[in-house]
Amino acid sequence: MAPAQVARVEFVAEDWRGGYFQADGGIYGRPWVAVYGALSDFPRAALSFSLDTAPSGAATIGITGMDDELGTLNPVAVEVNGERVYEGPSPFANWDGTAQGVTAAWTTVPLTIPSGVLSAGPNEITLANLSPVASFNAPPYVLLAGAVLEIPGGAAPQAPEAPSVPIVPSSSSATFTAEDWQGGFYRGDDVYYGRPWTALYGADSEYPQAALTFRLDTVTGDSAVLTVAGLDDERNESNPITINVNGQNAFEGPSPFLNWDGVGNGEDAAWTQVEITIPAELLRSGRNQIVIANRSPGANFSAPPYVLLSDATLRVPGSEVTPVTRDGARGNRNNVAPSTSGDDDESDDGAQGDG
């Protein structure tokens, strides 16, 4: 008898769409996608792929993941093409909470996909966190890394589909709006500070950083230039910030943006246009991510320390730049912040300290 044919396709962390993606391995030792609580902006993540024919039998997906540090496992569900194939406690081991996870015990768990669930053409495998919480940057969460899909019967999988959400045509220059900064606190009107903005609060807050994501068709030897409009808070000192490109440090030091003068609602605030040079060796063909983080200690919200980001332009000589956005990939997409105790107004502005 001839051995049964088995087709195999490998996925990496950035192939999971819909979760909160981090490209560097500074925390948890590798790139990962976080799936937060069921009421959060990132409650699920999905892998998409196509098959030339339907499999002849059951398939297997081996997913590498890790549960949070709370000790109890998150309830999760796995669906394939809308059909639930698993529901129960997360099969991944808990993180032990030590050393920023650089030696974390990632677990690879095989799950069986019953015969008849996969089909010829497009397919999707989704993992959802069912914990009824609206968390971000804190438990409950499930982290996902790579995955391996094995399919019997010679059904040839095609490469994972790239995110199909470019917001402008490809060119050597790309423009981003305040809303494109993913992970910070976004406000879409101009009631405060005269324009839409995304806030980066203290390093221990729910919104310590924000990211721009884009794709490059190729990388040349020329440096790129990121031009960002920003505003520091109303304190006299500038916040310390870092700028990472694909997990590598491109800048560390005081915020280059001017401080807000604290007058009125900031309608005449002195937004600063700052040019940041990105060395060519930090860029790569395919998906790239630029992350700006506020390093001021604090778990604050709607008060200093904060840095505000608005529009940005990225120029990469000799390369086509395509901006990428993902549904639900922003820390807070509302026009107003949640109300907080002790405020007289019905809603908070999200950044202003004393105004």
Foldseek 3Di string as FASTA:
>chain_A
DDDWDKAKDKFWAVQWAQFAWDQALQAQQGTKGKQAEPQALRFKTKWKWFWQFAFPWKKKKWWKKEWEQPQFFFWKWKDKQNHTQDTGGDPFYYFNPPDSNSVTDIDIDMGIGGGPRDGGTMMMMMMGGHHHDHDAPDDGIMITTMMMMMTTDPGYMDHTDDDPDFPDFWDLKDKDWQVQFFQFAWAQCLQAQQGTKGKAAEPQARRFKTKWKKAKQFFDQDKKKKKWWKEFEQDPFFFWKFKAKSNHTQDTGGDPFYYFNLPDRNSVGDTDIDIGIGGRVSDGGTMMMIMMGGHHHDHDKLADGMMIITMMMMGHPPIIMTTDDGRSRHRHDYNFADQDPPDPDNTGRTHHHPD
